[in-house]
C-alpha atoms as a PDB file:
ATOM      1  CA  MET A   1     -14.597  52.575 -75.289  1.00  0.00           C
ATOM      2  CA  SER A   2     -11.702  51.311 -73.035  1.00  0.00           C
ATOM      3  CA  ALA A   3      -8.852  53.117 -71.680  1.00  0.00           C
ATOM      4  CA  ASN A   4      -6.429  50.177 -71.206  1.00  0.00           C
ATOM      5  CA  CYS A   5      -3.421  51.638 -73.028  1.00  0.00           C
ATOM      6  CA  GLU A   6      -1.291  48.533 -72.827  1.00  0.00           C
ATOM      7  CA  GLU A   7      -3.864  46.847 -75.345  1.00  0.00           C
ATOM      8  CA  CYS A   8      -4.166  49.857 -77.556  1.00  0.00           C
ATOM      9  CA  VAL A   9      -2.620  49.997 -80.999  1.00  0.00           C
ATOM     10  CA  TYR A  10      -1.133  53.454 -80.517  1.00  0.00           C
ATOM     11  CA  TYR A  11       0.794  52.520 -77.267  1.00  0.00           C
ATOM     12  CA  ASP A  12       4.343  51.798 -78.445  1.00  0.00           C
ATOM     13  CA  TYR A  13       7.719  51.794 -76.863  1.00  0.00           C
ATOM     14  CA  ASP A  14       9.887  54.858 -77.488  1.00  0.00           C
ATOM     15  CA  GLU A  15      13.634  53.829 -77.433  1.00  0.00           C
ATOM     16  CA  GLU A  16      14.827  57.721 -76.963  1.00  0.00           C
ATOM     17  CA  LEU A  17      12.464  58.192 -73.871  1.00  0.00           C
ATOM     18  CA  ALA A  18      12.982  54.517 -72.665  1.00  0.00           C
ATOM     19  CA  ALA A  19       9.210  54.415 -71.860  1.00  0.00           C
ATOM     20  CA  TYR A  20       5.964  53.556 -73.302  1.00  0.00           C
ATOM     21  CA  VAL A  21       4.123  56.383 -75.110  1.00  0.00           C
ATOM     22  CA  CYS A  22       0.906  56.990 -76.954  1.00  0.00           C
ATOM     23  CA  GLU A  23       1.585  57.666 -80.596  1.00  0.00           C
ATOM     24  CA  ALA A  24      -1.903  58.514 -81.625  1.00  0.00           C
ATOM     25  CA  ASP A  25      -1.670  61.204 -84.407  1.00  0.00           C
ATOM     26  CA  LEU A  26      -3.789  64.018 -82.917  1.00  0.00           C
ATOM     27  CA  ASP A  27      -4.545  67.424 -84.391  1.00  0.00           C
ATOM     28  CA  GLU A  28      -4.613  70.423 -82.156  1.00  0.00           C
ATOM     29  CA  ASP A  29      -8.152  70.359 -81.254  1.00  0.00           C
ATOM     30  CA  GLU A  30      -7.984  66.568 -80.430  1.00  0.00           C
ATOM     31  CA  MET A  31      -4.935  67.101 -78.341  1.00  0.00           C
ATOM     32  CA  GLU A  32      -6.763  69.849 -76.369  1.00  0.00           C
ATOM     33  CA  ARG A  33      -9.905  67.710 -75.781  1.00  0.00           C
ATOM     34  CA  PHE A  34      -7.557  64.742 -74.770  1.00  0.00           C
ATOM     35  CA  LEU A  35      -5.517  66.957 -72.299  1.00  0.00           C
ATOM     36  CA  ARG A  36      -8.690  68.425 -70.740  1.00  0.00           C
ATOM     37  CA  GLY A  37      -9.832  64.894 -70.044  1.00  0.00           C
ATOM     38  CA  GLY A  38     -13.570  65.566 -70.493  1.00  0.00           C
ATOM     39  CA  THR A  39     -14.255  61.870 -70.507  1.00  0.00           C
ATOM     40  CA  ARG A  40     -13.209  58.658 -68.437  1.00  0.00           C
ATOM     41  CA  ASP A  41     -12.397  56.666 -71.469  1.00  0.00           C
ATOM     42  CA  CYS A  42      -9.873  57.429 -74.101  1.00  0.00           C
ATOM     43  CA  PRO A  43     -11.563  58.420 -77.282  1.00  0.00           C
ATOM     44  CA  PHE A  44      -8.805  57.375 -79.406  1.00  0.00           C
ATOM     45  CA  TYR A  45      -8.387  53.702 -78.152  1.00  0.00           C
ATOM     46  CA  ARG A  46      -8.286  51.004 -80.899  1.00  0.00           C
ATOM     47  CA  PRO A  47      -7.695  47.588 -79.692  1.00  0.00           C
ATOM     48  CA  GLY A  48      -4.258  46.144 -80.767  1.00  0.00           C
ATOM     49  CA  ASP A  49      -4.417  42.735 -82.452  1.00  0.00           C
ATOM     50  CA  ASP A  50      -1.070  41.222 -82.936  1.00  0.00           C
ATOM     51  CA  TYR A  51      -2.738  38.553 -85.383  1.00  0.00           C
ATOM     52  CA  ARG A  52      -4.575  40.922 -87.464  1.00  0.00           C
ATOM     53  CA  THR A  53      -1.820  40.979 -90.058  1.00  0.00           C
ATOM     54  CA  ALA A  54      -0.883  37.321 -89.978  1.00  0.00           C
ATOM     55  CA  ARG A  55      -4.578  36.473 -90.776  1.00  0.00           C
ATOM     56  CA  ARG A  56      -4.369  38.536 -94.009  1.00  0.00           C
ATOM     57  CA  GLN A  57      -1.391  36.655 -95.263  1.00  0.00           C
END
């Protein structure tokens, strides 16, 4: 898995914070594992594909 947030489908701009944030929907256990950082790569990374929706149309 990769940890390149800029290419992740969960990485989005939050206008209230005026910054990019990870919007992965994590439960309490997943958030704990994520914050502990037991792995070098992000286990929630999903490659973002801007053209995925266009190909289905």
